[in-house]
Amino acid sequence: MKNKVIITVATTGGYTTKEHNPNVPLTPVEIADEVYKCYQAGAAIAHIHVRDETGNPTMDFEKFKETVELIRSKCDIVINITTSGGTGFNDDERMKPFVELLPEIASYDCGTMNWQHTTVFENNPMFLEKLGKKMQEVNVKPEIEVFDPGMLYNALYYAKKGILKEPLHFQFVLGAPGGIAATVENLVYLKSLLPENATWSAFGIGKESTPILMTTLALGGHVRVGMEDNSYLFKGQLAESNVDFVERSKTLIKELGKEPATPEEARAILGLTKKV
């Protein structure tokens, strides 16, 4: 599996609006259709956020249920549900979607940060312990999202305590205001901190997404792409679809003599149990 690269598509997120890019999918039907097209293009994992009727981020269970059921009716892409659809949601709201819908993966944001320099994205120790234990209980693998190096060290601490089960899987997030900047040097540094048996992926937000994508591939990591993180395919050119990002990453992967992983191969690489 060393020549296989997992492409995660993050179609929607909690920030991008139709004003940023009119092509961003927001409804369950739009998201599911977009995920299916990305699956056909080569994405192995779909990272799922949902929106309410006005387009705002939400952790509404029924929206997740509809979206996930639609995706599962179309294809067997690996489902990765967010536990942080925005700020201000309580613990139960953040956990219910993965507890009830049982995706293979769910996000585990391993620390609190000053989000966008305007509000607090809270992931306090009590929540992180509760979250890690519940993920083990229902057999959902944490995708440990790292916005700064301290979050990686938090994850290593929780692994020693048994809150997180090894081998760990990390998602490096570079370029979020309030987090580590999206530079090649920072990505190389983050990778140097990884435990030997970990798997990892990375992405950059906004204009630095392409350099981080290329560096991640050069360093042997897996990749995440999509409109959650960037509205533009090239400078001044809005992406027409999330498929554009998947196709570009697939081209770069093949240029390196590697291949995009299928969903089944992604499950094998990450040690996942396929959910019905």
Protein backbone atom coordinates (compact mmCIF):
# COMPACT_ATOMS: atom_id res chain seq x y z
CA MET A 1 0.00 0.00 0.00
CA LYS A 2 3.05 2.30 0.03
CA ASN A 3 2.22 3.59 -3.45
CA LYS A 4 -1.39 4.40 -2.53
CA VAL A 5 -2.47 7.91 -1.52
CA ILE A 6 -5.81 8.56 0.17
CA ILE A 7 -7.74 11.53 -1.19
CA THR A 8 -10.22 13.02 1.27
CA VAL A 9 -12.73 15.45 -0.15
CA ALA A 10 -14.18 18.11 2.15
CA THR A 11 -17.01 19.39 0.00
CA THR A 12 -18.69 21.95 2.24
CA GLY A 13 -17.25 22.80 5.66
CA GLY A 14 -18.75 25.37 7.97
CA TYR A 15 -17.51 28.59 6.40
CA THR A 16 -17.69 28.68 2.60
CA THR A 17 -20.90 30.24 1.28
CA LYS A 18 -22.50 30.66 -2.14
CA GLU A 19 -21.12 34.20 -2.06
CA HIS A 20 -17.58 32.80 -1.87
CA ASN A 21 -18.30 30.21 -4.55
CA PRO A 22 -21.79 29.64 -6.02
CA ASN A 23 -20.89 26.00 -6.65
CA VAL A 24 -20.39 24.98 -3.01
CA PRO A 25 -22.93 22.26 -2.06
CA LEU A 26 -25.04 23.08 1.01
CA THR A 27 -28.14 20.86 1.11
CA PRO A 28 -28.02 17.12 1.84
CA VAL A 29 -28.92 16.34 -1.78
CA GLU A 30 -26.26 18.71 -3.13
CA ILE A 31 -23.60 17.34 -0.77
CA ALA A 32 -24.42 13.70 -1.54
CA ASP A 33 -24.39 14.30 -5.29
CA GLU A 34 -21.06 16.09 -5.04
CA VAL A 35 -19.55 13.36 -2.87
CA TYR A 36 -20.63 10.73 -5.37
CA LYS A 37 -19.01 12.61 -8.25
CA CYS A 38 -15.81 12.96 -6.21
CA TYR A 39 -15.92 9.23 -5.42
CA GLN A 40 -16.15 8.50 -9.14
CA ALA A 41 -13.17 10.82 -9.72
CA GLY A 42 -10.99 9.02 -7.14
CA ALA A 43 -11.77 10.30 -3.64
CA ALA A 44 -11.73 7.57 -0.99
CA ILE A 45 -13.00 9.56 2.02
CA ALA A 46 -15.72 12.20 2.34
CA HIS A 47 -15.44 14.64 5.26
CA ILE A 48 -18.99 15.71 6.05
CA HIS A 49 -20.32 19.02 7.38
CA VAL A 50 -23.95 20.07 7.01
CA ARG A 51 -25.82 23.38 6.91
CA ASP A 52 -29.21 24.55 8.14
CA GLU A 53 -31.97 25.96 5.92
CA THR A 54 -30.32 29.37 5.86
CA GLY A 55 -26.90 28.00 4.94
CA ASN A 56 -25.35 28.35 8.39
CA PRO A 57 -23.22 25.60 9.97
CA THR A 58 -25.17 23.18 12.15
CA MET A 59 -24.80 19.92 14.05
CA ASP A 60 -28.44 19.05 13.41
CA PHE A 61 -28.67 15.27 13.52
CA GLU A 62 -31.41 14.97 10.91
CA LYS A 63 -29.31 16.87 8.37
CA PHE A 64 -26.41 14.49 8.95
CA LYS A 65 -28.70 11.48 8.79
CA GLU A 66 -30.20 12.52 5.47
CA THR A 67 -26.80 13.35 3.99
CA VAL A 68 -25.09 10.15 5.12
CA GLU A 69 -27.99 7.93 4.01
CA LEU A 70 -27.99 9.55 0.58
CA ILE A 71 -24.23 9.04 0.22
CA ARG A 72 -24.41 5.42 1.36
CA SER A 73 -27.17 4.74 -1.15
CA LYS A 74 -24.86 5.91 -3.96
CA CYS A 75 -21.42 4.50 -3.12
CA ASP A 76 -19.13 2.95 -0.52
CA ILE A 77 -16.87 5.96 0.04
CA VAL A 78 -15.47 6.15 3.58
CA ILE A 79 -17.58 8.51 5.69
CA ASN A 80 -15.83 10.98 8.00
CA ILE A 81 -18.24 13.07 10.09
CA THR A 82 -17.18 16.30 11.75
CA THR A 83 -17.61 16.76 15.50
CA SER A 84 -17.13 20.52 15.13
CA GLY A 85 -19.66 21.91 12.68
CA GLY A 86 -19.00 25.35 14.11
CA THR A 87 -18.65 26.94 17.53
CA GLY A 88 -21.11 27.03 20.40
CA PHE A 89 -22.53 23.50 20.12
CA ASN A 90 -22.78 21.35 23.25
CA ASP A 91 -21.07 18.00 23.73
CA ASP A 92 -24.11 15.89 22.91
CA GLU A 93 -24.85 17.83 19.72
CA ARG A 94 -21.26 17.34 18.58
CA MET A 95 -21.19 13.61 19.33
CA LYS A 96 -24.64 12.37 18.34
CA PRO A 97 -24.05 12.22 14.55
CA PHE A 98 -21.14 9.77 14.79
CA VAL A 99 -22.66 7.82 17.69
CA GLU A 100 -25.92 7.23 15.84
CA LEU A 101 -24.73 7.03 12.23
CA LEU A 102 -21.50 5.11 12.87
CA PRO A 103 -19.17 6.46 10.17
CA GLU A 104 -15.75 4.86 9.88
CA ILE A 105 -14.05 8.11 10.98
CA ALA A 106 -14.95 11.28 12.86
CA SER A 107 -12.89 14.37 13.55
CA TYR A 108 -11.10 14.81 16.87
CA ASP A 109 -9.92 18.41 17.23
CA CYS A 110 -7.20 17.98 19.80
CA GLY A 111 -7.18 21.32 21.61
CA THR A 112 -8.80 24.70 22.10
CA MET A 113 -7.87 27.67 19.90
CA ASN A 114 -8.84 31.28 19.17
CA TRP A 115 -10.79 30.59 15.99
CA GLN A 116 -10.46 33.24 13.28
CA HIS A 117 -9.16 35.60 16.02
CA THR A 118 -12.80 36.31 16.87
CA THR A 119 -14.14 33.43 18.98
CA VAL A 120 -13.04 30.41 20.98
CA PHE A 121 -13.16 26.97 19.40
CA GLU A 122 -13.40 25.00 22.61
CA ASN A 123 -12.18 21.44 23.00
CA ASN A 124 -11.57 21.21 26.73
CA PRO A 125 -9.89 18.22 28.43
CA MET A 126 -13.15 16.79 29.76
CA PHE A 127 -14.71 16.82 26.29
CA LEU A 128 -11.63 15.31 24.65
CA GLU A 129 -11.60 12.45 27.14
CA LYS A 130 -15.32 11.87 26.69
CA LEU A 131 -14.97 12.04 22.92
CA GLY A 132 -12.05 9.63 22.74
CA LYS A 133 -13.72 7.06 24.98
CA LYS A 134 -16.99 7.24 23.03
CA MET A 135 -15.17 6.78 19.72
CA GLN A 136 -13.53 3.63 21.05
CA GLU A 137 -16.86 2.40 22.39
CA VAL A 138 -18.62 2.67 19.02
CA ASN A 139 -15.54 1.73 16.93
CA VAL A 140 -15.18 5.04 15.08
CA LYS A 141 -11.58 6.03 14.36
CA PRO A 142 -10.56 9.54 15.43
CA GLU A 143 -9.08 11.75 12.76
CA ILE A 144 -6.88 13.89 15.00
CA GLU A 145 -7.03 17.40 13.60
CA VAL A 146 -3.94 19.40 14.46
CA PHE A 147 -4.06 23.19 14.10
CA ASP A 148 -0.82 23.77 16.01
CA PRO A 149 1.99 21.57 17.42
CA GLY A 150 0.53 21.58 20.92
CA MET A 151 -2.47 19.65 19.65
CA LEU A 152 -0.20 16.87 18.42
CA TYR A 153 1.40 16.63 21.86
CA ASN A 154 -2.09 16.55 23.39
CA ALA A 155 -2.85 13.53 21.21
CA LEU A 156 0.30 11.74 22.34
CA TYR A 157 -0.72 12.39 25.96
CA TYR A 158 -4.21 10.97 25.39
CA ALA A 159 -2.71 7.95 23.65
CA LYS A 160 -0.58 7.22 26.73
CA LYS A 161 -3.71 7.52 28.90
CA GLY A 162 -5.62 5.12 26.65
CA ILE A 163 -8.13 7.79 25.58
CA LEU A 164 -6.88 7.45 22.01
CA LYS A 165 -6.05 4.06 20.54
CA GLU A 166 -2.92 3.60 18.48
CA PRO A 167 -2.03 3.62 15.65
CA LEU A 168 -3.10 7.27 15.46
CA HIS A 169 -4.25 9.07 12.33
CA PHE A 170 -3.50 12.79 12.05
CA GLN A 171 -4.89 15.53 9.83
CA PHE A 172 -2.63 18.59 9.76
CA VAL A 173 -4.56 21.83 9.24
CA LEU A 174 -2.34 24.70 8.11
CA GLY A 175 -3.41 28.27 7.53
CA ALA A 176 -6.44 28.60 9.80
CA PRO A 177 -6.40 32.05 11.46
CA GLY A 178 -5.40 31.34 15.05
CA GLY A 179 -3.45 28.22 14.09
CA ILE A 180 -0.10 27.37 12.52
CA ALA A 181 0.68 29.15 9.23
CA ALA A 182 0.56 27.24 5.95
CA THR A 183 4.24 27.04 5.08
CA VAL A 184 6.36 24.20 3.78
CA GLU A 185 8.70 24.57 6.76
CA ASN A 186 5.81 24.21 9.23
CA LEU A 187 4.51 21.08 7.52
CA VAL A 188 7.96 19.47 7.57
CA TYR A 189 8.20 20.32 11.29
CA LEU A 190 4.79 18.84 12.09
CA LYS A 191 5.64 15.62 10.26
CA SER A 192 8.87 15.34 12.28
CA LEU A 193 6.78 15.12 15.49
CA LEU A 194 4.74 12.10 14.40
CA PRO A 195 5.04 8.78 16.22
CA GLU A 196 6.56 6.08 14.05
CA ASN A 197 3.38 4.05 13.51
CA ALA A 198 1.06 6.98 12.71
CA THR A 199 -0.68 7.71 9.43
CA TRP A 200 -1.20 11.30 8.36
CA SER A 201 -2.77 13.69 5.92
CA ALA A 202 -2.55 17.45 5.49
CA PHE A 203 -4.09 20.43 3.78
CA GLY A 204 -3.58 24.16 3.53
CA ILE A 205 -6.35 26.73 3.64
CA GLY A 206 -6.86 29.28 0.88
CA LYS A 207 -4.05 30.40 -1.41
CA GLU A 208 -1.49 28.12 0.25
CA SER A 209 -3.48 24.96 -0.43
CA THR A 210 -1.50 23.98 -3.53
CA PRO A 211 2.02 24.29 -2.00
CA ILE A 212 0.85 22.27 1.02
CA LEU A 213 -0.74 19.67 -1.26
CA MET A 214 2.49 19.26 -3.22
CA THR A 215 4.64 19.14 -0.10
CA THR A 216 2.37 16.58 1.54
CA LEU A 217 2.67 14.29 -1.48
CA ALA A 218 6.46 14.76 -1.59
CA LEU A 219 6.68 13.83 2.10
CA GLY A 220 4.60 10.68 1.65
CA GLY A 221 1.35 11.86 3.26
CA HIS A 222 -2.28 11.54 2.29
CA VAL A 223 -4.23 14.58 1.12
CA ARG A 224 -7.44 16.50 1.72
CA VAL A 225 -8.95 18.82 -0.86
CA GLY A 226 -12.24 20.61 -1.44
CA MET A 227 -14.31 23.74 -1.05
CA GLU A 228 -14.27 23.58 2.73
CA ASP A 229 -10.68 24.76 2.50
CA ASN A 230 -10.42 26.68 -0.76
CA SER A 231 -12.88 28.18 -3.25
CA TYR A 232 -10.32 28.70 -6.02
CA LEU A 233 -8.78 26.08 -8.28
CA PHE A 234 -6.21 28.59 -9.49
CA LYS A 235 -5.61 32.24 -8.67
CA GLY A 236 -8.66 34.15 -9.83
CA GLN A 237 -10.43 31.00 -11.06
CA LEU A 238 -13.25 29.63 -8.91
CA ALA A 239 -13.60 25.87 -8.83
CA GLU A 240 -16.66 24.68 -10.72
CA SER A 241 -16.94 21.59 -8.54
CA ASN A 242 -15.14 19.74 -5.77
CA VAL A 243 -14.30 17.25 -8.50
CA ASP A 244 -11.83 19.81 -9.88
CA PHE A 245 -9.74 19.51 -6.72
CA VAL A 246 -9.89 15.72 -6.72
CA GLU A 247 -8.82 15.55 -10.36
CA ARG A 248 -5.88 17.89 -9.78
CA SER A 249 -4.65 15.93 -6.77
CA LYS A 250 -5.04 12.68 -8.72
CA THR A 251 -2.88 14.09 -11.51
CA LEU A 252 -0.14 15.06 -9.05
CA ILE A 253 -0.32 11.67 -7.35
CA LYS A 254 0.18 9.90 -10.68
CA GLU A 255 3.05 12.22 -11.59
CA LEU A 256 4.84 10.81 -8.52
CA GLY A 257 4.31 7.25 -9.73
CA LYS A 258 1.61 6.54 -7.16
CA GLU A 259 -2.11 5.82 -7.33
CA PRO A 260 -5.18 7.15 -5.52
CA ALA A 261 -6.40 4.66 -2.92
CA THR A 262 -9.83 3.14 -3.34
CA PRO A 263 -12.21 3.24 -0.37
CA GLU A 264 -11.34 -0.38 0.45
CA GLU A 265 -7.63 0.38 0.27
CA ALA A 266 -8.13 3.43 2.49
CA ARG A 267 -9.88 1.21 5.04
CA ALA A 268 -6.92 -1.17 4.98
CA ILE A 269 -4.35 1.62 5.34
CA LEU A 270 -6.18 3.21 8.28
CA GLY A 271 -7.36 -0.02 9.92
CA LEU A 272 -11.05 0.77 9.51
CA THR A 273 -14.08 -1.48 9.76
CA LYS A 274 -16.54 -0.93 6.93
CA LYS A 275 -19.94 0.21 8.22
CA VAL A 276 -23.18 -0.84 6.57
